[in-house]
Amino acid sequence: MPHRLSRIATRTGDDGTTGLGDGSRTRKNSPRIAAIGSIDELNSMLGLLAAENLPPDVQPVIAAIQNDLFDLGGELSIPGFEKIKPIRLALLDEWLAGFNGDLPPLAEFILPGGSRPAALAHVARTICRRAERDVVALGALEFVRPLCQQYLNRLSDLLFVLARVLNRAGGGQDVLWLKDRPDQ
């Protein structure tokens, strides 16, 4: 594999711009960079989640998603480039159905928390929702393939389900929202 980065500190961004994959430059506060940044943040959070002791059926799913998110960021970094394939969305649907099928139905809303891995999955879910909003905002200004936002929408659902799975794997349960608290 060729070396992709020979210098990390290029100083080309000192003027508030950053380079896109096609060689063009854009402001660091542009909607495109906001979307790419949120996806990168989500990928980093999933890296933190992957550092936990996860069930053997969850670990490869997280690794696959991290690679997908890198591809998604790459797609957004080159206007007009297509990297994410529809099969990746189909895999999210497959994982979602599989993991959700083993969970008891929800009778009430749940709060983020429980075990540490579940809490990290919930944080990843909220970052994913922001990334989705950022991609939708970019799509209102420039063309973004619908598959990009569909992927993020489905991923946030999967992360919610994985949080529930991780609570159970840790011997715990969902933290329920108490709608009728005595102090109300």
N, C-alpha and C. Protein backbone atom coordinates (compact mmCIF):
# COMPACT_ATOMS: atom_id res chain seq x y z
N MET A 1 0.85 -1.17 0.00
CA MET A 1 0.00 0.00 0.00
C MET A 1 0.90 1.24 0.00
N PRO A 2 0.62 2.19 -0.87
CA PRO A 2 1.44 3.41 -0.89
C PRO A 2 1.18 4.25 0.36
N HIS A 3 2.15 5.06 0.68
CA HIS A 3 1.99 5.98 1.80
C HIS A 3 1.04 7.09 1.38
N ARG A 4 -0.04 7.26 2.12
CA ARG A 4 -1.03 8.28 1.78
C ARG A 4 -0.69 9.62 2.42
N LEU A 5 -0.08 9.59 3.58
CA LEU A 5 0.27 10.81 4.28
C LEU A 5 1.76 10.79 4.60
N SER A 6 2.49 11.68 4.00
CA SER A 6 3.91 11.73 4.32
C SER A 6 4.19 12.82 5.35
N ARG A 7 3.36 13.87 5.35
CA ARG A 7 3.48 14.94 6.33
C ARG A 7 2.12 15.17 6.96
N ILE A 8 2.08 15.22 8.26
CA ILE A 8 0.82 15.47 8.95
C ILE A 8 0.60 16.97 9.11
N ALA A 9 1.63 17.70 9.52
CA ALA A 9 1.52 19.15 9.68
C ALA A 9 1.94 19.82 8.37
N THR A 10 0.94 20.12 7.53
CA THR A 10 1.25 20.75 6.23
C THR A 10 1.18 22.26 6.29
N ARG A 11 0.48 22.80 7.30
CA ARG A 11 0.27 24.23 7.50
C ARG A 11 -0.62 24.86 6.43
N THR A 12 -1.14 24.05 5.52
CA THR A 12 -2.01 24.61 4.47
C THR A 12 -3.37 25.02 5.03
N GLY A 13 -3.73 24.55 6.20
CA GLY A 13 -5.00 24.91 6.81
C GLY A 13 -4.92 26.09 7.75
N ASP A 14 -3.75 26.69 7.84
CA ASP A 14 -3.59 27.83 8.75
C ASP A 14 -4.47 29.01 8.37
N ASP A 15 -4.93 29.05 7.13
CA ASP A 15 -5.77 30.17 6.68
C ASP A 15 -7.26 29.91 6.87
N GLY A 16 -7.60 28.80 7.56
CA GLY A 16 -9.01 28.49 7.82
C GLY A 16 -9.66 27.67 6.73
N THR A 17 -8.85 27.13 5.81
CA THR A 17 -9.39 26.27 4.77
C THR A 17 -8.82 24.87 4.93
N THR A 18 -9.46 23.93 4.27
CA THR A 18 -8.97 22.55 4.27
C THR A 18 -9.14 21.98 2.88
N GLY A 19 -8.33 21.01 2.55
CA GLY A 19 -8.38 20.40 1.24
C GLY A 19 -9.39 19.27 1.18
N LEU A 20 -10.10 19.22 0.07
CA LEU A 20 -11.02 18.10 -0.19
C LEU A 20 -10.28 17.05 -1.01
N GLY A 21 -10.88 15.90 -1.13
CA GLY A 21 -10.26 14.78 -1.84
C GLY A 21 -10.03 15.03 -3.32
N ASP A 22 -10.74 15.99 -3.89
CA ASP A 22 -10.56 16.30 -5.31
C ASP A 22 -9.51 17.39 -5.53
N GLY A 23 -8.85 17.83 -4.46
CA GLY A 23 -7.82 18.85 -4.56
C GLY A 23 -8.32 20.27 -4.33
N SER A 24 -9.63 20.47 -4.32
CA SER A 24 -10.17 21.81 -4.07
C SER A 24 -10.06 22.12 -2.58
N ARG A 25 -10.25 23.39 -2.25
CA ARG A 25 -10.19 23.82 -0.85
C ARG A 25 -11.51 24.45 -0.48
N THR A 26 -11.88 24.30 0.80
CA THR A 26 -13.11 24.89 1.31
C THR A 26 -12.86 25.38 2.72
N ARG A 27 -13.73 26.24 3.20
CA ARG A 27 -13.62 26.76 4.56
C ARG A 27 -13.83 25.62 5.56
N LYS A 28 -13.14 25.68 6.66
CA LYS A 28 -13.25 24.63 7.67
C LYS A 28 -14.60 24.64 8.37
N ASN A 29 -15.35 25.73 8.23
CA ASN A 29 -16.68 25.78 8.84
C ASN A 29 -17.79 25.57 7.81
N SER A 30 -17.46 25.03 6.66
CA SER A 30 -18.47 24.78 5.63
C SER A 30 -19.36 23.60 6.05
N PRO A 31 -20.59 23.54 5.52
CA PRO A 31 -21.46 22.40 5.83
C PRO A 31 -20.84 21.05 5.45
N ARG A 32 -20.06 21.00 4.39
CA ARG A 32 -19.41 19.74 3.99
C ARG A 32 -18.42 19.29 5.06
N ILE A 33 -17.63 20.21 5.57
CA ILE A 33 -16.64 19.85 6.59
C ILE A 33 -17.33 19.53 7.91
N ALA A 34 -18.44 20.21 8.21
CA ALA A 34 -19.20 19.87 9.42
C ALA A 34 -19.70 18.43 9.34
N ALA A 35 -20.22 18.03 8.18
CA ALA A 35 -20.72 16.66 8.02
C ALA A 35 -19.58 15.65 8.14
N ILE A 36 -18.48 15.93 7.46
CA ILE A 36 -17.32 15.02 7.52
C ILE A 36 -16.81 14.94 8.95
N GLY A 37 -16.77 16.07 9.66
CA GLY A 37 -16.29 16.09 11.04
C GLY A 37 -17.17 15.29 11.97
N SER A 38 -18.48 15.40 11.79
CA SER A 38 -19.40 14.63 12.65
C SER A 38 -19.25 13.14 12.40
N ILE A 39 -19.05 12.76 11.16
CA ILE A 39 -18.84 11.34 10.83
C ILE A 39 -17.54 10.86 11.44
N ASP A 40 -16.49 11.69 11.39
CA ASP A 40 -15.21 11.33 12.00
C ASP A 40 -15.35 11.20 13.51
N GLU A 41 -16.10 12.11 14.13
CA GLU A 41 -16.33 12.03 15.58
C GLU A 41 -17.09 10.74 15.93
N LEU A 42 -18.08 10.41 15.14
CA LEU A 42 -18.83 9.17 15.36
C LEU A 42 -17.89 7.96 15.25
N ASN A 43 -17.04 7.97 14.24
CA ASN A 43 -16.11 6.85 14.06
C ASN A 43 -15.17 6.74 15.26
N SER A 44 -14.73 7.88 15.77
CA SER A 44 -13.86 7.86 16.95
C SER A 44 -14.59 7.30 18.17
N MET A 45 -15.86 7.69 18.33
CA MET A 45 -16.64 7.16 19.46
C MET A 45 -16.82 5.66 19.32
N LEU A 46 -17.03 5.19 18.10
CA LEU A 46 -17.15 3.74 17.89
C LEU A 46 -15.82 3.05 18.18
N GLY A 47 -14.71 3.73 17.93
CA GLY A 47 -13.40 3.18 18.30
C GLY A 47 -13.29 3.02 19.81
N LEU A 48 -13.81 3.99 20.55
CA LEU A 48 -13.82 3.88 22.01
C LEU A 48 -14.72 2.73 22.45
N LEU A 49 -15.88 2.61 21.83
CA LEU A 49 -16.78 1.49 22.14
C LEU A 49 -16.10 0.16 21.84
N ALA A 50 -15.40 0.09 20.71
CA ALA A 50 -14.73 -1.16 20.31
C ALA A 50 -13.61 -1.55 21.27
N ALA A 51 -13.10 -0.58 22.04
CA ALA A 51 -12.04 -0.88 23.02
C ALA A 51 -12.60 -1.57 24.26
N GLU A 52 -13.92 -1.60 24.39
CA GLU A 52 -14.56 -2.29 25.50
C GLU A 52 -14.59 -3.80 25.24
N ASN A 53 -14.90 -4.54 26.26
CA ASN A 53 -15.06 -5.99 26.13
C ASN A 53 -16.47 -6.24 25.58
N LEU A 54 -16.57 -6.42 24.27
CA LEU A 54 -17.87 -6.57 23.61
C LEU A 54 -18.16 -8.02 23.30
N PRO A 55 -19.43 -8.37 23.21
CA PRO A 55 -19.79 -9.74 22.81
C PRO A 55 -19.20 -10.05 21.43
N PRO A 56 -18.89 -11.32 21.18
CA PRO A 56 -18.24 -11.69 19.92
C PRO A 56 -19.08 -11.39 18.68
N ASP A 57 -20.40 -11.29 18.81
CA ASP A 57 -21.22 -10.98 17.64
C ASP A 57 -21.33 -9.48 17.40
N VAL A 58 -20.95 -8.66 18.38
CA VAL A 58 -21.04 -7.21 18.24
C VAL A 58 -19.73 -6.63 17.70
N GLN A 59 -18.61 -7.14 18.15
CA GLN A 59 -17.29 -6.59 17.77
C GLN A 59 -17.11 -6.48 16.25
N PRO A 60 -17.38 -7.51 15.45
CA PRO A 60 -17.17 -7.37 14.00
C PRO A 60 -18.15 -6.39 13.35
N VAL A 61 -19.32 -6.24 13.94
CA VAL A 61 -20.29 -5.28 13.42
C VAL A 61 -19.75 -3.86 13.59
N ILE A 62 -19.21 -3.57 14.76
CA ILE A 62 -18.64 -2.25 15.02
C ILE A 62 -17.47 -1.99 14.06
N ALA A 63 -16.62 -2.99 13.87
CA ALA A 63 -15.47 -2.82 12.96
C ALA A 63 -15.95 -2.55 11.53
N ALA A 64 -16.97 -3.25 11.08
CA ALA A 64 -17.49 -3.05 9.73
C ALA A 64 -18.08 -1.64 9.59
N ILE A 65 -18.79 -1.20 10.61
CA ILE A 65 -19.39 0.14 10.58
C ILE A 65 -18.30 1.21 10.54
N GLN A 66 -17.24 1.01 11.29
CA GLN A 66 -16.14 1.99 11.27
C GLN A 66 -15.57 2.13 9.86
N ASN A 67 -15.41 1.02 9.18
CA ASN A 67 -14.91 1.09 7.80
C ASN A 67 -15.92 1.78 6.89
N ASP A 68 -17.20 1.49 7.08
CA ASP A 68 -18.25 2.16 6.30
C ASP A 68 -18.21 3.67 6.52
N LEU A 69 -18.04 4.08 7.77
CA LEU A 69 -18.01 5.51 8.07
C LEU A 69 -16.81 6.18 7.44
N PHE A 70 -15.69 5.48 7.37
CA PHE A 70 -14.52 6.03 6.70
C PHE A 70 -14.83 6.22 5.22
N ASP A 71 -15.51 5.24 4.63
CA ASP A 71 -15.92 5.35 3.22
C ASP A 71 -16.90 6.50 3.03
N LEU A 72 -17.84 6.64 3.96
CA LEU A 72 -18.82 7.71 3.86
C LEU A 72 -18.15 9.08 3.93
N GLY A 73 -17.21 9.24 4.85
CA GLY A 73 -16.46 10.49 4.92
C GLY A 73 -15.68 10.74 3.65
N GLY A 74 -15.12 9.67 3.08
CA GLY A 74 -14.40 9.80 1.81
C GLY A 74 -15.32 10.24 0.69
N GLU A 75 -16.52 9.68 0.66
CA GLU A 75 -17.49 10.07 -0.36
C GLU A 75 -17.84 11.55 -0.23
N LEU A 76 -18.02 12.01 0.97
CA LEU A 76 -18.37 13.42 1.17
C LEU A 76 -17.18 14.35 0.90
N SER A 77 -15.98 13.82 0.99
CA SER A 77 -14.80 14.67 0.78
C SER A 77 -14.49 14.88 -0.71
N ILE A 78 -15.18 14.15 -1.57
CA ILE A 78 -14.98 14.32 -3.02
C ILE A 78 -16.36 14.50 -3.65
N PRO A 79 -16.77 15.74 -3.86
CA PRO A 79 -18.10 15.97 -4.45
C PRO A 79 -18.29 15.16 -5.73
N GLY A 80 -19.41 14.43 -5.78
CA GLY A 80 -19.73 13.61 -6.94
C GLY A 80 -19.20 12.19 -6.88
N PHE A 81 -18.36 11.87 -5.89
CA PHE A 81 -17.78 10.53 -5.75
C PHE A 81 -18.77 9.63 -5.03
N GLU A 82 -18.84 8.37 -5.43
CA GLU A 82 -19.71 7.40 -4.79
C GLU A 82 -18.87 6.25 -4.23
N LYS A 83 -18.94 6.05 -2.94
CA LYS A 83 -18.16 4.98 -2.30
C LYS A 83 -19.06 3.99 -1.55
N ILE A 84 -20.07 4.50 -0.85
CA ILE A 84 -20.96 3.62 -0.08
C ILE A 84 -21.88 2.89 -1.05
N LYS A 85 -21.96 1.59 -0.90
CA LYS A 85 -22.79 0.76 -1.76
C LYS A 85 -24.10 0.41 -1.04
N PRO A 86 -25.18 0.21 -1.78
CA PRO A 86 -26.47 -0.15 -1.16
C PRO A 86 -26.41 -1.39 -0.28
N ILE A 87 -25.48 -2.30 -0.55
CA ILE A 87 -25.36 -3.51 0.27
C ILE A 87 -25.02 -3.16 1.71
N ARG A 88 -24.34 -2.03 1.92
CA ARG A 88 -23.98 -1.63 3.29
C ARG A 88 -25.24 -1.24 4.08
N LEU A 89 -26.20 -0.59 3.43
CA LEU A 89 -27.47 -0.27 4.08
C LEU A 89 -28.25 -1.55 4.36
N ALA A 90 -28.21 -2.47 3.41
CA ALA A 90 -28.90 -3.76 3.60
C ALA A 90 -28.30 -4.52 4.79
N LEU A 91 -26.99 -4.44 4.96
CA LEU A 91 -26.35 -5.09 6.11
C LEU A 91 -26.81 -4.47 7.43
N LEU A 92 -26.93 -3.14 7.45
CA LEU A 92 -27.44 -2.49 8.67
C LEU A 92 -28.83 -3.02 8.99
N ASP A 93 -29.68 -3.12 7.96
CA ASP A 93 -31.04 -3.64 8.18
C ASP A 93 -31.00 -5.08 8.70
N GLU A 94 -30.10 -5.87 8.15
CA GLU A 94 -29.96 -7.27 8.58
C GLU A 94 -29.52 -7.34 10.04
N TRP A 95 -28.50 -6.56 10.40
CA TRP A 95 -28.03 -6.55 11.79
C TRP A 95 -29.11 -6.03 12.72
N LEU A 96 -29.79 -5.00 12.30
CA LEU A 96 -30.86 -4.42 13.12
C LEU A 96 -31.93 -5.46 13.41
N ALA A 97 -32.38 -6.16 12.39
CA ALA A 97 -33.41 -7.19 12.59
C ALA A 97 -32.89 -8.31 13.48
N GLY A 98 -31.66 -8.73 13.26
CA GLY A 98 -31.10 -9.83 14.04
C GLY A 98 -30.95 -9.50 15.51
N PHE A 99 -30.34 -8.36 15.81
CA PHE A 99 -30.13 -7.98 17.21
C PHE A 99 -31.45 -7.63 17.88
N ASN A 100 -32.34 -6.94 17.18
CA ASN A 100 -33.60 -6.53 17.78
C ASN A 100 -34.52 -7.73 18.02
N GLY A 101 -34.40 -8.75 17.19
CA GLY A 101 -35.25 -9.92 17.32
C GLY A 101 -35.09 -10.66 18.63
N ASP A 102 -33.93 -10.52 19.27
CA ASP A 102 -33.67 -11.21 20.53
C ASP A 102 -34.00 -10.37 21.76
N LEU A 103 -34.46 -9.15 21.55
CA LEU A 103 -34.74 -8.25 22.68
C LEU A 103 -36.22 -8.27 23.04
N PRO A 104 -36.52 -8.09 24.33
CA PRO A 104 -37.94 -7.97 24.70
C PRO A 104 -38.49 -6.63 24.18
N PRO A 105 -39.78 -6.59 23.91
CA PRO A 105 -40.37 -5.33 23.44
C PRO A 105 -40.26 -4.25 24.51
N LEU A 106 -40.17 -3.02 24.06
CA LEU A 106 -40.11 -1.90 24.99
C LEU A 106 -41.52 -1.49 25.40
N ALA A 107 -41.74 -1.37 26.70
CA ALA A 107 -43.03 -0.91 27.20
C ALA A 107 -42.95 0.57 27.57
N GLU A 108 -41.73 1.10 27.63
CA GLU A 108 -41.53 2.50 28.04
C GLU A 108 -40.27 3.01 27.38
N PHE A 109 -40.10 4.32 27.36
CA PHE A 109 -38.86 4.92 26.86
C PHE A 109 -37.73 4.51 27.79
N ILE A 110 -36.52 4.46 27.22
CA ILE A 110 -35.37 4.16 28.06
C ILE A 110 -34.43 5.36 28.07
N LEU A 111 -33.67 5.45 29.15
CA LEU A 111 -32.67 6.49 29.29
C LEU A 111 -31.33 5.95 28.85
N PRO A 112 -30.46 6.81 28.31
CA PRO A 112 -29.11 6.36 27.97
C PRO A 112 -28.39 5.92 29.24
N GLY A 113 -27.80 4.78 29.21
CA GLY A 113 -27.06 4.33 30.38
C GLY A 113 -27.10 2.83 30.54
N GLY A 114 -26.89 2.41 31.77
CA GLY A 114 -26.78 0.99 32.07
C GLY A 114 -25.31 0.65 32.20
N SER A 115 -24.84 -0.28 31.42
CA SER A 115 -23.43 -0.64 31.45
C SER A 115 -22.61 0.40 30.69
N ARG A 116 -21.32 0.40 30.94
CA ARG A 116 -20.43 1.35 30.24
C ARG A 116 -20.51 1.17 28.72
N PRO A 117 -20.41 -0.06 28.18
CA PRO A 117 -20.52 -0.21 26.72
C PRO A 117 -21.86 0.29 26.18
N ALA A 118 -22.94 0.04 26.90
CA ALA A 118 -24.26 0.52 26.45
C ALA A 118 -24.30 2.04 26.45
N ALA A 119 -23.75 2.65 27.48
CA ALA A 119 -23.73 4.11 27.55
C ALA A 119 -22.91 4.69 26.39
N LEU A 120 -21.80 4.05 26.06
CA LEU A 120 -20.99 4.51 24.92
C LEU A 120 -21.75 4.35 23.61
N ALA A 121 -22.52 3.28 23.48
CA ALA A 121 -23.34 3.10 22.28
C ALA A 121 -24.39 4.19 22.18
N HIS A 122 -24.96 4.60 23.31
CA HIS A 122 -25.93 5.69 23.31
C HIS A 122 -25.27 7.01 22.89
N VAL A 123 -24.06 7.27 23.39
CA VAL A 123 -23.36 8.49 22.96
C VAL A 123 -23.10 8.43 21.46
N ALA A 124 -22.67 7.27 20.97
CA ALA A 124 -22.45 7.12 19.52
C ALA A 124 -23.75 7.37 18.76
N ARG A 125 -24.87 6.91 19.29
CA ARG A 125 -26.17 7.13 18.64
C ARG A 125 -26.47 8.61 18.52
N THR A 126 -26.20 9.38 19.57
CA THR A 126 -26.51 10.81 19.51
C THR A 126 -25.56 11.53 18.55
N ILE A 127 -24.32 11.11 18.49
CA ILE A 127 -23.39 11.69 17.52
C ILE A 127 -23.85 11.34 16.11
N CYS A 128 -24.33 10.12 15.94
CA CYS A 128 -24.83 9.68 14.64
C CYS A 128 -26.01 10.54 14.19
N ARG A 129 -26.89 10.86 15.11
CA ARG A 129 -28.03 11.72 14.78
C ARG A 129 -27.56 13.10 14.32
N ARG A 130 -26.51 13.63 14.99
CA ARG A 130 -25.97 14.92 14.57
C ARG A 130 -25.33 14.81 13.20
N ALA A 131 -24.59 13.73 12.97
CA ALA A 131 -23.99 13.53 11.65
C ALA A 131 -25.07 13.47 10.57
N GLU A 132 -26.16 12.81 10.88
CA GLU A 132 -27.27 12.74 9.93
C GLU A 132 -27.82 14.14 9.65
N ARG A 133 -28.02 14.94 10.70
CA ARG A 133 -28.51 16.31 10.51
C ARG A 133 -27.54 17.12 9.66
N ASP A 134 -26.24 16.92 9.90
CA ASP A 134 -25.23 17.66 9.12
C ASP A 134 -25.24 17.23 7.66
N VAL A 135 -25.44 15.95 7.39
CA VAL A 135 -25.50 15.48 6.00
C VAL A 135 -26.77 16.00 5.33
N VAL A 136 -27.88 16.03 6.05
CA VAL A 136 -29.12 16.58 5.50
C VAL A 136 -28.94 18.07 5.20
N ALA A 137 -28.29 18.81 6.09
CA ALA A 137 -28.04 20.23 5.87
C ALA A 137 -27.16 20.43 4.63
N LEU A 138 -26.14 19.62 4.48
CA LEU A 138 -25.29 19.69 3.28
C LEU A 138 -26.12 19.39 2.05
N GLY A 139 -26.98 18.39 2.13
CA GLY A 139 -27.82 18.00 1.00
C GLY A 139 -28.81 19.08 0.59
N ALA A 140 -29.12 19.98 1.49
CA ALA A 140 -30.01 21.10 1.14
C ALA A 140 -29.28 22.14 0.30
N LEU A 141 -27.94 22.10 0.33
CA LEU A 141 -27.14 23.08 -0.41
C LEU A 141 -26.47 22.49 -1.65
N GLU A 142 -26.07 21.23 -1.55
CA GLU A 142 -25.34 20.55 -2.62
C GLU A 142 -25.88 19.13 -2.72
N PHE A 143 -25.65 18.51 -3.86
CA PHE A 143 -26.13 17.14 -4.03
C PHE A 143 -25.37 16.19 -3.11
N VAL A 144 -26.13 15.41 -2.37
CA VAL A 144 -25.60 14.31 -1.56
C VAL A 144 -26.51 13.13 -1.85
N ARG A 145 -25.91 12.00 -2.15
CA ARG A 145 -26.74 10.83 -2.44
C ARG A 145 -27.62 10.48 -1.25
N PRO A 146 -28.89 10.19 -1.49
CA PRO A 146 -29.80 9.82 -0.40
C PRO A 146 -29.26 8.65 0.44
N LEU A 147 -28.51 7.76 -0.17
CA LEU A 147 -27.96 6.61 0.55
C LEU A 147 -27.12 7.05 1.75
N CYS A 148 -26.44 8.19 1.65
CA CYS A 148 -25.60 8.66 2.75
C CYS A 148 -26.44 8.96 3.99
N GLN A 149 -27.52 9.69 3.82
CA GLN A 149 -28.34 9.99 5.00
C GLN A 149 -29.15 8.77 5.43
N GLN A 150 -29.54 7.92 4.50
CA GLN A 150 -30.25 6.69 4.87
C GLN A 150 -29.36 5.80 5.73
N TYR A 151 -28.08 5.72 5.36
CA TYR A 151 -27.14 4.91 6.13
C TYR A 151 -27.07 5.42 7.57
N LEU A 152 -26.92 6.72 7.74
CA LEU A 152 -26.80 7.29 9.09
C LEU A 152 -28.09 7.13 9.88
N ASN A 153 -29.23 7.29 9.21
CA ASN A 153 -30.52 7.12 9.89
C ASN A 153 -30.66 5.69 10.42
N ARG A 154 -30.34 4.73 9.59
CA ARG A 154 -30.44 3.33 10.00
C ARG A 154 -29.41 2.99 11.06
N LEU A 155 -28.21 3.56 10.93
CA LEU A 155 -27.16 3.30 11.91
C LEU A 155 -27.56 3.78 13.29
N SER A 156 -28.21 4.93 13.39
CA SER A 156 -28.62 5.40 14.71
C SER A 156 -29.62 4.43 15.34
N ASP A 157 -30.50 3.86 14.53
CA ASP A 157 -31.42 2.84 15.05
C ASP A 157 -30.66 1.62 15.54
N LEU A 158 -29.68 1.19 14.76
CA LEU A 158 -28.88 0.03 15.15
C LEU A 158 -28.12 0.31 16.44
N LEU A 159 -27.57 1.50 16.59
CA LEU A 159 -26.84 1.82 17.82
C LEU A 159 -27.74 1.81 19.04
N PHE A 160 -28.98 2.24 18.88
CA PHE A 160 -29.95 2.15 19.98
C PHE A 160 -30.17 0.69 20.38
N VAL A 161 -30.37 -0.15 19.39
CA VAL A 161 -30.60 -1.58 19.65
C VAL A 161 -29.34 -2.20 20.26
N LEU A 162 -28.16 -1.83 19.73
CA LEU A 162 -26.92 -2.39 20.29
C LEU A 162 -26.73 -1.97 21.74
N ALA A 163 -27.15 -0.76 22.11
CA ALA A 163 -27.06 -0.35 23.51
C ALA A 163 -27.88 -1.29 24.39
N ARG A 164 -29.05 -1.65 23.91
CA ARG A 164 -29.90 -2.59 24.67
C ARG A 164 -29.23 -3.97 24.74
N VAL A 165 -28.66 -4.41 23.62
CA VAL A 165 -27.96 -5.70 23.58
C VAL A 165 -26.79 -5.69 24.57
N LEU A 166 -26.04 -4.60 24.58
CA LEU A 166 -24.87 -4.51 25.45
C LEU A 166 -25.26 -4.48 26.93
N ASN A 167 -26.39 -3.87 27.25
CA ASN A 167 -26.86 -3.92 28.64
C ASN A 167 -27.16 -5.36 29.05
N ARG A 168 -27.80 -6.09 28.19
CA ARG A 168 -28.12 -7.48 28.51
C ARG A 168 -26.87 -8.35 28.58
N ALA A 169 -25.94 -8.11 27.66
CA ALA A 169 -24.69 -8.89 27.66
C ALA A 169 -23.90 -8.66 28.94
N GLY A 170 -24.03 -7.47 29.51
CA GLY A 170 -23.34 -7.15 30.76
C GLY A 170 -24.11 -7.58 32.00
N GLY A 171 -25.22 -8.29 31.80
CA GLY A 171 -26.00 -8.77 32.93
C GLY A 171 -26.98 -7.75 33.48
N GLY A 172 -27.12 -6.64 32.78
CA GLY A 172 -28.03 -5.59 33.26
C GLY A 172 -29.28 -5.50 32.41
N GLN A 173 -29.91 -4.37 32.52
CA GLN A 173 -31.12 -4.14 31.74
C GLN A 173 -31.20 -2.67 31.37
N ASP A 174 -32.18 -2.34 30.56
CA ASP A 174 -32.39 -0.96 30.15
C ASP A 174 -32.73 -0.11 31.36
N VAL A 175 -32.32 1.16 31.31
CA VAL A 175 -32.67 2.12 32.33
C VAL A 175 -33.96 2.80 31.87
N LEU A 176 -35.03 2.55 32.57
CA LEU A 176 -36.33 3.05 32.14
C LEU A 176 -36.56 4.49 32.57
N TRP A 177 -37.22 5.23 31.70
CA TRP A 177 -37.69 6.57 32.02
C TRP A 177 -38.88 6.43 32.94
N LEU A 178 -38.86 7.14 34.04
CA LEU A 178 -39.96 7.10 35.00
C LEU A 178 -40.86 8.28 34.73
N LYS A 179 -41.96 8.03 34.02
CA LYS A 179 -42.85 9.14 33.65
C LYS A 179 -43.67 9.64 34.83
N ASP A 180 -43.90 8.81 35.82
CA ASP A 180 -44.68 9.21 36.99
C ASP A 180 -43.80 9.19 38.24
N ARG A 181 -42.82 10.07 38.26
CA ARG A 181 -41.93 10.14 39.41
C ARG A 181 -42.65 10.77 40.59
N PRO A 182 -42.35 10.32 41.79
CA PRO A 182 -43.06 10.83 42.97
C PRO A 182 -42.80 12.30 43.24
N ASP A 183 -41.71 12.87 42.75
CA ASP A 183 -41.38 14.26 43.04
C ASP A 183 -42.01 15.23 42.04
N GLN A 184 -42.88 14.75 41.16
CA GLN A 184 -43.49 15.63 40.17
C GLN A 184 -44.75 16.26 40.68
